[in-house]
PDB file of all heavy atoms in Angstrom:
ATOM      1  N   SER A   1      96.817 103.577 114.527  1.00  0.00           N
ATOM      2  CA  SER A   1      96.548 105.003 114.684  1.00  0.00           C
ATOM      3  C   SER A   1      95.824 105.327 115.991  1.00  0.00           C
ATOM      4  O   SER A   1      95.775 106.479 116.400  1.00  0.00           O
ATOM      5  CB  SER A   1      95.733 105.520 113.494  1.00  0.00           C
ATOM      6  OG  SER A   1      94.402 105.036 113.554  1.00  0.00           O
ATOM      7  N   ILE A   2      95.284 104.344 116.663  1.00  0.00           N
ATOM      8  CA  ILE A   2      94.582 104.550 117.934  1.00  0.00           C
ATOM      9  C   ILE A   2      95.578 104.299 119.059  1.00  0.00           C
ATOM     10  O   ILE A   2      96.036 103.168 119.265  1.00  0.00           O
ATOM     11  CB  ILE A   2      93.362 103.612 118.044  1.00  0.00           C
ATOM     12  CG1 ILE A   2      92.412 103.846 116.867  1.00  0.00           C
ATOM     13  CG2 ILE A   2      92.653 103.794 119.377  1.00  0.00           C
ATOM     14  CD1 ILE A   2      91.325 102.802 116.722  1.00  0.00           C
ATOM     15  N   ALA A   3      95.913 105.355 119.807  1.00  0.00           N
ATOM     16  CA  ALA A   3      96.985 105.277 120.803  1.00  0.00           C
ATOM     17  C   ALA A   3      96.756 104.179 121.837  1.00  0.00           C
ATOM     18  O   ALA A   3      97.689 103.460 122.204  1.00  0.00           O
ATOM     19  CB  ALA A   3      97.145 106.622 121.497  1.00  0.00           C
ATOM     20  N   GLU A   4      95.533 104.038 122.331  1.00  0.00           N
ATOM     21  CA  GLU A   4      95.250 103.031 123.359  1.00  0.00           C
ATOM     22  C   GLU A   4      95.515 101.617 122.841  1.00  0.00           C
ATOM     23  O   GLU A   4      96.017 100.763 123.565  1.00  0.00           O
ATOM     24  CB  GLU A   4      93.793 103.118 123.852  1.00  0.00           C
ATOM     25  CG  GLU A   4      93.460 104.412 124.560  1.00  0.00           C
ATOM     26  CD  GLU A   4      93.151 105.552 123.589  1.00  0.00           C
ATOM     27  OE1 GLU A   4      92.713 105.299 122.447  1.00  0.00           O
ATOM     28  OE2 GLU A   4      93.382 106.711 123.969  1.00  0.00           O
ATOM     29  N   ILE A   5      95.192 101.391 121.595  1.00  0.00           N
ATOM     30  CA  ILE A   5      95.428 100.068 120.999  1.00  0.00           C
ATOM     31  C   ILE A   5      96.910  99.901 120.696  1.00  0.00           C
ATOM     32  O   ILE A   5      97.499  98.862 120.990  1.00  0.00           O
ATOM     33  CB  ILE A   5      94.571  99.873 119.737  1.00  0.00           C
ATOM     34  CG1 ILE A   5      93.091  99.816 120.119  1.00  0.00           C
ATOM     35  CG2 ILE A   5      94.985  98.610 118.988  1.00  0.00           C
ATOM     36  CD1 ILE A   5      92.147  99.756 118.945  1.00  0.00           C
ATOM     37  N   ARG A   6      97.509 100.931 120.124  1.00  0.00           N
ATOM     38  CA  ARG A   6      98.916 100.867 119.735  1.00  0.00           C
ATOM     39  C   ARG A   6      99.814 100.542 120.922  1.00  0.00           C
ATOM     40  O   ARG A   6     100.811  99.847 120.787  1.00  0.00           O
ATOM     41  CB  ARG A   6      99.343 102.193 119.103  1.00  0.00           C
ATOM     42  CG  ARG A   6     100.765 102.221 118.615  1.00  0.00           C
ATOM     43  CD  ARG A   6     101.155 103.521 117.936  1.00  0.00           C
ATOM     44  NE  ARG A   6     100.976 104.688 118.760  1.00  0.00           N
ATOM     45  CZ  ARG A   6     100.104 105.672 118.522  1.00  0.00           C
ATOM     46  NH1 ARG A   6      99.333 105.639 117.455  1.00  0.00           N
ATOM     47  NH2 ARG A   6     100.009 106.705 119.325  1.00  0.00           N
ATOM     48  N   ARG A   7      99.469 101.031 122.099  1.00  0.00           N
ATOM     49  CA  ARG A   7     100.286 100.805 123.293  1.00  0.00           C
ATOM     50  C   ARG A   7      99.883  99.569 124.079  1.00  0.00           C
ATOM     51  O   ARG A   7     100.553  99.214 125.039  1.00  0.00           O
ATOM     52  CB  ARG A   7     100.198 102.025 124.207  1.00  0.00           C
ATOM     53  CG  ARG A   7     100.827 103.244 123.609  1.00  0.00           C
ATOM     54  CD  ARG A   7     100.846 104.393 124.599  1.00  0.00           C
ATOM     55  NE  ARG A   7     101.133 105.626 123.928  1.00  0.00           N
ATOM     56  CZ  ARG A   7     100.276 106.645 123.828  1.00  0.00           C
ATOM     57  NH1 ARG A   7      99.098 106.582 124.378  1.00  0.00           N
ATOM     58  NH2 ARG A   7     100.624 107.731 123.182  1.00  0.00           N
ATOM     59  N   SER A   8      98.806  98.928 123.700  1.00  0.00           N
ATOM     60  CA  SER A   8      98.334  97.786 124.491  1.00  0.00           C
ATOM     61  C   SER A   8      99.260  96.584 124.329  1.00  0.00           C
ATOM     62  O   SER A   8      99.755  96.306 123.231  1.00  0.00           O
ATOM     63  CB  SER A   8      96.909  97.400 124.083  1.00  0.00           C
ATOM     64  OG  SER A   8      96.914  96.715 122.854  1.00  0.00           O
ATOM     65  N   PRO A   9      99.514  95.882 125.429  1.00  0.00           N
ATOM     66  CA  PRO A   9     100.390  94.707 125.356  1.00  0.00           C
ATOM     67  C   PRO A   9      99.882  93.650 124.373  1.00  0.00           C
ATOM     68  O   PRO A   9     100.670  93.018 123.681  1.00  0.00           O
ATOM     69  CB  PRO A   9     100.379  94.157 126.784  1.00  0.00           C
ATOM     70  CG  PRO A   9      99.937  95.278 127.645  1.00  0.00           C
ATOM     71  CD  PRO A   9      99.067  96.155 126.793  1.00  0.00           C
ATOM     72  N   GLU A  10      98.586  93.495 124.284  1.00  0.00           N
ATOM     73  CA  GLU A  10      98.027  92.487 123.376  1.00  0.00           C
ATOM     74  C   GLU A  10      98.355  92.810 121.919  1.00  0.00           C
ATOM     75  O   GLU A  10      98.731  91.927 121.152  1.00  0.00           O
ATOM     76  CB  GLU A  10      96.503  92.386 123.550  1.00  0.00           C
ATOM     77  CG  GLU A  10      96.058  91.897 124.898  1.00  0.00           C
ATOM     78  CD  GLU A  10      96.008  92.993 125.966  1.00  0.00           C
ATOM     79  OE1 GLU A  10      96.208  94.182 125.651  1.00  0.00           O
ATOM     80  OE2 GLU A  10      95.788  92.638 127.138  1.00  0.00           O
ATOM     81  N   PHE A  11      98.223  94.055 121.551  1.00  0.00           N
ATOM     82  CA  PHE A  11      98.520  94.465 120.179  1.00  0.00           C
ATOM     83  C   PHE A  11     100.004  94.270 119.866  1.00  0.00           C
ATOM     84  O   PHE A  11     100.366  93.690 118.852  1.00  0.00           O
ATOM     85  CB  PHE A  11      98.126  95.931 119.970  1.00  0.00           C
ATOM     86  CG  PHE A  11      98.409  96.460 118.587  1.00  0.00           C
ATOM     87  CD1 PHE A  11      97.586  96.137 117.528  1.00  0.00           C
ATOM     88  CD2 PHE A  11      99.491  97.292 118.354  1.00  0.00           C
ATOM     89  CE1 PHE A  11      97.843  96.628 116.249  1.00  0.00           C
ATOM     90  CE2 PHE A  11      99.751  97.791 117.090  1.00  0.00           C
ATOM     91  CZ  PHE A  11      98.919  97.453 116.035  1.00  0.00           C
ATOM     92  N   LEU A  12     100.844  94.747 120.780  1.00  0.00           N
ATOM     93  CA  LEU A  12     102.285  94.648 120.551  1.00  0.00           C
ATOM     94  C   LEU A  12     102.755  93.200 120.523  1.00  0.00           C
ATOM     95  O   LEU A  12     103.540  92.805 119.665  1.00  0.00           O
ATOM     96  CB  LEU A  12     103.027  95.423 121.635  1.00  0.00           C
ATOM     97  CG  LEU A  12     102.775  96.924 121.639  1.00  0.00           C
ATOM     98  CD1 LEU A  12     103.400  97.566 122.853  1.00  0.00           C
ATOM     99  CD2 LEU A  12     103.292  97.551 120.361  1.00  0.00           C
ATOM    100  N   GLU A  13     102.272  92.428 121.449  1.00  0.00           N
ATOM    101  CA  GLU A  13     102.728  91.049 121.533  1.00  0.00           C
ATOM    102  C   GLU A  13     102.209  90.200 120.377  1.00  0.00           C
ATOM    103  O   GLU A  13     102.803  89.186 120.040  1.00  0.00           O
ATOM    104  CB  GLU A  13     102.365  90.466 122.887  1.00  0.00           C
ATOM    105  CG  GLU A  13     103.212  91.114 123.979  1.00  0.00           C
ATOM    106  CD  GLU A  13     102.897  90.636 125.374  1.00  0.00           C
ATOM    107  OE1 GLU A  13     101.952  89.841 125.551  1.00  0.00           O
ATOM    108  OE2 GLU A  13     103.612  91.059 126.291  1.00  0.00           O
ATOM    109  N   PHE A  14     101.118  90.629 119.752  1.00  0.00           N
ATOM    110  CA  PHE A  14     100.627  89.932 118.559  1.00  0.00           C
ATOM    111  C   PHE A  14     101.728  89.880 117.506  1.00  0.00           C
ATOM    112  O   PHE A  14     101.882  88.897 116.790  1.00  0.00           O
ATOM    113  CB  PHE A  14      99.392  90.654 118.007  1.00  0.00           C
ATOM    114  CG  PHE A  14      98.990  90.215 116.628  1.00  0.00           C
ATOM    115  CD1 PHE A  14      98.285  89.043 116.439  1.00  0.00           C
ATOM    116  CD2 PHE A  14      99.328  90.973 115.518  1.00  0.00           C
ATOM    117  CE1 PHE A  14      97.911  88.640 115.165  1.00  0.00           C
ATOM    118  CE2 PHE A  14      98.965  90.576 114.240  1.00  0.00           C
ATOM    119  CZ  PHE A  14      98.249  89.405 114.065  1.00  0.00           C
ATOM    120  N   PHE A  15     102.520  90.956 117.443  1.00  0.00           N
ATOM    121  CA  PHE A  15     103.531  91.060 116.402  1.00  0.00           C
ATOM    122  C   PHE A  15     104.837  90.344 116.725  1.00  0.00           C
ATOM    123  O   PHE A  15     105.503  89.854 115.824  1.00  0.00           O
ATOM    124  CB  PHE A  15     103.834  92.531 116.085  1.00  0.00           C
ATOM    125  CG  PHE A  15     102.703  93.207 115.389  1.00  0.00           C
ATOM    126  CD1 PHE A  15     101.820  94.001 116.080  1.00  0.00           C
ATOM    127  CD2 PHE A  15     102.510  93.018 114.032  1.00  0.00           C
ATOM    128  CE1 PHE A  15     100.766  94.613 115.434  1.00  0.00           C
ATOM    129  CE2 PHE A  15     101.454  93.629 113.371  1.00  0.00           C
ATOM    130  CZ  PHE A  15     100.575  94.422 114.083  1.00  0.00           C
ATOM    131  N   PHE A  16     105.220  90.297 118.005  1.00  0.00           N
ATOM    132  CA  PHE A  16     106.556  89.777 118.256  1.00  0.00           C
ATOM    133  C   PHE A  16     106.688  88.778 119.403  1.00  0.00           C
ATOM    134  O   PHE A  16     107.756  88.181 119.568  1.00  0.00           O
ATOM    135  CB  PHE A  16     107.559  90.915 118.467  1.00  0.00           C
ATOM    136  CG  PHE A  16     107.220  91.853 119.586  1.00  0.00           C
ATOM    137  CD1 PHE A  16     107.546  91.552 120.884  1.00  0.00           C
ATOM    138  CD2 PHE A  16     106.596  93.052 119.322  1.00  0.00           C
ATOM    139  CE1 PHE A  16     107.247  92.430 121.915  1.00  0.00           C
ATOM    140  CE2 PHE A  16     106.289  93.937 120.331  1.00  0.00           C
ATOM    141  CZ  PHE A  16     106.617  93.615 121.637  1.00  0.00           C
ATOM    142  N   LEU A  17     105.651  88.529 120.193  1.00  0.00           N
ATOM    143  CA  LEU A  17     105.798  87.604 121.317  1.00  0.00           C
ATOM    144  C   LEU A  17     106.120  86.184 120.856  1.00  0.00           C
ATOM    145  O   LEU A  17     106.941  85.498 121.458  1.00  0.00           O
ATOM    146  CB  LEU A  17     104.548  87.610 122.202  1.00  0.00           C
ATOM    147  CG  LEU A  17     104.669  86.763 123.469  1.00  0.00           C
ATOM    148  CD1 LEU A  17     105.812  87.261 124.351  1.00  0.00           C
ATOM    149  CD2 LEU A  17     103.365  86.768 124.245  1.00  0.00           C
ATOM    150  N   GLN A  18     105.509  85.754 119.776  1.00  0.00           N
ATOM    151  CA  GLN A  18     105.778  84.411 119.262  1.00  0.00           C
ATOM    152  C   GLN A  18     107.252  84.275 118.862  1.00  0.00           C
ATOM    153  O   GLN A  18     107.884  83.253 119.127  1.00  0.00           O
ATOM    154  CB  GLN A  18     104.867  84.104 118.081  1.00  0.00           C
ATOM    155  CG  GLN A  18     104.947  82.674 117.619  1.00  0.00           C
ATOM    156  CD  GLN A  18     103.911  82.374 116.544  1.00  0.00           C
ATOM    157  OE1 GLN A  18     103.070  83.188 116.206  1.00  0.00           O
ATOM    158  NE2 GLN A  18     103.976  81.181 116.016  1.00  0.00           N
ATOM    159  N   ASP A  19     107.808  85.314 118.251  1.00  0.00           N
ATOM    160  CA  ASP A  19     109.233  85.291 117.900  1.00  0.00           C
ATOM    161  C   ASP A  19     110.105  85.236 119.145  1.00  0.00           C
ATOM    162  O   ASP A  19     111.103  84.509 119.183  1.00  0.00           O
ATOM    163  CB  ASP A  19     109.614  86.531 117.084  1.00  0.00           C
ATOM    164  CG  ASP A  19     109.303  86.386 115.608  1.00  0.00           C
ATOM    165  OD1 ASP A  19     109.055  85.251 115.152  1.00  0.00           O
ATOM    166  OD2 ASP A  19     109.322  87.408 114.908  1.00  0.00           O
ATOM    167  N   LEU A  20     109.732  85.992 120.180  1.00  0.00           N
ATOM    168  CA  LEU A  20     110.521  85.974 121.409  1.00  0.00           C
ATOM    169  C   LEU A  20     110.520  84.589 122.045  1.00  0.00           C
ATOM    170  O   LEU A  20     111.556  84.102 122.495  1.00  0.00           O
ATOM    171  CB  LEU A  20     109.996  87.007 122.406  1.00  0.00           C
ATOM    172  CG  LEU A  20     110.147  88.476 122.032  1.00  0.00           C
ATOM    173  CD1 LEU A  20     109.586  89.367 123.126  1.00  0.00           C
ATOM    174  CD2 LEU A  20     111.592  88.826 121.753  1.00  0.00           C
ATOM    175  N   ARG A  21     109.364  83.963 122.078  1.00  0.00           N
ATOM    176  CA  ARG A  21     109.278  82.608 122.647  1.00  0.00           C
ATOM    177  C   ARG A  21     110.126  81.623 121.851  1.00  0.00           C
ATOM    178  O   ARG A  21     110.853  80.807 122.422  1.00  0.00           O
ATOM    179  CB  ARG A  21     107.833  82.135 122.676  1.00  0.00           C
ATOM    180  CG  ARG A  21     107.001  82.798 123.732  1.00  0.00           C
ATOM    181  CD  ARG A  21     105.597  82.235 123.725  1.00  0.00           C
ATOM    182  NE  ARG A  21     104.774  82.917 124.708  1.00  0.00           N
ATOM    183  CZ  ARG A  21     103.520  83.273 124.506  1.00  0.00           C
ATOM    184  NH1 ARG A  21     102.909  82.998 123.375  1.00  0.00           N
ATOM    185  NH2 ARG A  21     102.846  83.886 125.455  1.00  0.00           N
ATOM    186  N   ALA A  22     110.019  81.690 120.529  1.00  0.00           N
ATOM    187  CA  ALA A  22     110.798  80.779 119.675  1.00  0.00           C
ATOM    188  C   ALA A  22     112.289  81.034 119.850  1.00  0.00           C
ATOM    189  O   ALA A  22     113.083  80.081 119.957  1.00  0.00           O
ATOM    190  CB  ALA A  22     110.383  80.949 118.216  1.00  0.00           C
ATOM    191  N   ALA A  23     112.688  82.291 119.890  1.00  0.00           N
ATOM    192  CA  ALA A  23     114.103  82.631 120.048  1.00  0.00           C
ATOM    193  C   ALA A  23     114.626  82.147 121.396  1.00  0.00           C
ATOM    194  O   ALA A  23     115.740  81.616 121.483  1.00  0.00           O
ATOM    195  CB  ALA A  23     114.296  84.140 119.907  1.00  0.00           C
ATOM    196  N   GLN A  24     113.834  82.318 122.429  1.00  0.00           N
ATOM    197  CA  GLN A  24     114.241  81.852 123.750  1.00  0.00           C
ATOM    198  C   GLN A  24     114.413  80.334 123.765  1.00  0.00           C
ATOM    199  O   GLN A  24     115.394  79.818 124.294  1.00  0.00           O
ATOM    200  CB  GLN A  24     113.209  82.283 124.798  1.00  0.00           C
ATOM    201  CG  GLN A  24     113.614  81.960 126.220  1.00  0.00           C
ATOM    202  CD  GLN A  24     112.539  82.347 127.219  1.00  0.00           C
ATOM    203  OE1 GLN A  24     111.353  82.124 126.978  1.00  0.00           O
ATOM    204  NE2 GLN A  24     112.951  82.937 128.332  1.00  0.00           N
ATOM    205  N   ARG A  25     113.475  79.634 123.158  1.00  0.00           N
ATOM    206  CA  ARG A  25     113.552  78.166 123.082  1.00  0.00           C
ATOM    207  C   ARG A  25     114.820  77.731 122.330  1.00  0.00           C
ATOM    208  O   ARG A  25     115.540  76.834 122.765  1.00  0.00           O
ATOM    209  CB  ARG A  25     112.295  77.642 122.382  1.00  0.00           C
ATOM    210  CG  ARG A  25     111.735  76.394 122.917  1.00  0.00           C
ATOM    211  CD  ARG A  25     110.387  75.957 122.321  1.00  0.00           C
ATOM    212  NE  ARG A  25     109.924  76.606 121.115  1.00  0.00           N
ATOM    213  CZ  ARG A  25     109.006  77.577 121.071  1.00  0.00           C
ATOM    214  NH1 ARG A  25     108.453  78.023 122.164  1.00  0.00           N
ATOM    215  NH2 ARG A  25     108.640  78.089 119.916  1.00  0.00           N
ATOM    216  N   LEU A  26     115.083  78.365 121.199  1.00  0.00           N
ATOM    217  CA  LEU A  26     116.271  78.039 120.419  1.00  0.00           C
ATOM    218  C   LEU A  26     117.555  78.344 121.192  1.00  0.00           C
ATOM    219  O   LEU A  26     118.521  77.575 121.131  1.00  0.00           O
ATOM    220  CB  LEU A  26     116.259  78.796 119.092  1.00  0.00           C
ATOM    221  CG  LEU A  26     115.202  78.356 118.074  1.00  0.00           C
ATOM    222  CD1 LEU A  26     115.048  79.395 116.973  1.00  0.00           C
ATOM    223  CD2 LEU A  26     115.567  76.999 117.491  1.00  0.00           C
ATOM    224  N   THR A  27     117.560  79.433 121.910  1.00  0.00           N
ATOM    225  CA  THR A  27     118.730  79.796 122.711  1.00  0.00           C
ATOM    226  C   THR A  27     118.962  78.771 123.809  1.00  0.00           C
ATOM    227  O   THR A  27     120.094  78.349 124.052  1.00  0.00           O
ATOM    228  CB  THR A  27     118.562  81.208 123.311  1.00  0.00           C
ATOM    229  OG1 THR A  27     118.319  82.140 122.258  1.00  0.00           O
ATOM    230  CG2 THR A  27     119.798  81.634 124.087  1.00  0.00           C
ATOM    231  N   CYS A  28     117.889  78.353 124.462  1.00  0.00           N
ATOM    232  CA  CYS A  28     117.992  77.363 125.547  1.00  0.00           C
ATOM    233  C   CYS A  28     118.542  76.026 125.052  1.00  0.00           C
ATOM    234  O   CYS A  28     119.187  75.311 125.804  1.00  0.00           O
ATOM    235  CB  CYS A  28     116.630  77.136 126.202  1.00  0.00           C
ATOM    236  SG  CYS A  28     116.066  78.517 127.193  1.00  0.00           S
ATOM    237  N   THR A  29     118.279  75.711 123.804  1.00  0.00           N
ATOM    238  CA  THR A  29     118.743  74.433 123.260  1.00  0.00           C
ATOM    239  C   THR A  29     120.084  74.566 122.536  1.00  0.00           C
ATOM    240  O   THR A  29     120.557  73.601 121.940  1.00  0.00           O
ATOM    241  CB  THR A  29     117.697  73.830 122.301  1.00  0.00           C
ATOM    242  OG1 THR A  29     117.431  74.748 121.244  1.00  0.00           O
ATOM    243  CG2 THR A  29     116.410  73.497 123.031  1.00  0.00           C
ATOM    244  N   GLY A  30     120.691  75.751 122.588  1.00  0.00           N
ATOM    245  CA  GLY A  30     122.015  75.939 122.003  1.00  0.00           C
ATOM    246  C   GLY A  30     122.025  76.127 120.499  1.00  0.00           C
ATOM    247  O   GLY A  30     123.085  76.061 119.877  1.00  0.00           O
ATOM    248  N   MET A  31     120.874  76.420 119.909  1.00  0.00           N
ATOM    249  CA  MET A  31     120.796  76.648 118.461  1.00  0.00           C
ATOM    250  C   MET A  31     120.921  78.149 118.201  1.00  0.00           C
ATOM    251  O   MET A  31     119.978  78.812 117.792  1.00  0.00           O
ATOM    252  CB  MET A  31     119.489  76.072 117.916  1.00  0.00           C
ATOM    253  CG  MET A  31     119.382  74.569 118.147  1.00  0.00           C
ATOM    254  SD  MET A  31     117.826  73.891 117.578  1.00  0.00           S
ATOM    255  CE  MET A  31     118.094  73.961 115.819  1.00  0.00           C
ATOM    256  N   TYR A  32     122.122  78.661 118.440  1.00  0.00           N
ATOM    257  CA  TYR A  32     122.346  80.103 118.466  1.00  0.00           C
ATOM    258  C   TYR A  32     122.183  80.779 117.116  1.00  0.00           C
ATOM    259  O   TYR A  32     121.687  81.901 117.046  1.00  0.00           O
ATOM    260  CB  TYR A  32     123.726  80.411 119.054  1.00  0.00           C
ATOM    261  CG  TYR A  32     123.867  79.876 120.449  1.00  0.00           C
ATOM    262  CD1 TYR A  32     124.733  78.833 120.734  1.00  0.00           C
ATOM    263  CD2 TYR A  32     123.099  80.397 121.489  1.00  0.00           C
ATOM    264  CE1 TYR A  32     124.850  78.335 122.025  1.00  0.00           C
ATOM    265  CE2 TYR A  32     123.205  79.901 122.782  1.00  0.00           C
ATOM    266  CZ  TYR A  32     124.080  78.865 123.038  1.00  0.00           C
ATOM    267  OH  TYR A  32     124.180  78.368 124.314  1.00  0.00           O
ATOM    268  N   ARG A  33     122.588  80.156 116.038  1.00  0.00           N
ATOM    269  CA  ARG A  33     122.456  80.766 114.716  1.00  0.00           C
ATOM    270  C   ARG A  33     120.974  80.977 114.387  1.00  0.00           C
ATOM    271  O   ARG A  33     120.568  82.042 113.942  1.00  0.00           O
ATOM    272  CB  ARG A  33     123.134  79.881 113.663  1.00  0.00           C
ATOM    273  CG  ARG A  33     123.080  80.403 112.256  1.00  0.00           C
ATOM    274  CD  ARG A  33     123.930  81.599 111.943  1.00  0.00           C
ATOM    275  NE  ARG A  33     125.334  81.431 112.275  1.00  0.00           N
ATOM    276  CZ  ARG A  33     126.158  82.444 112.525  1.00  0.00           C
ATOM    277  NH1 ARG A  33     125.732  83.678 112.451  1.00  0.00           N
ATOM    278  NH2 ARG A  33     127.412  82.242 112.833  1.00  0.00           N
TER     279      ARG A  33
END
């Protein structure tokens, strides 16, 4: 509910950066499914 926090990269990346890193790693190794 706090706009400054809601838009902060740290807050947003808390939710999905780990998934992006894992997905990128899997893609690089050809594990597409």
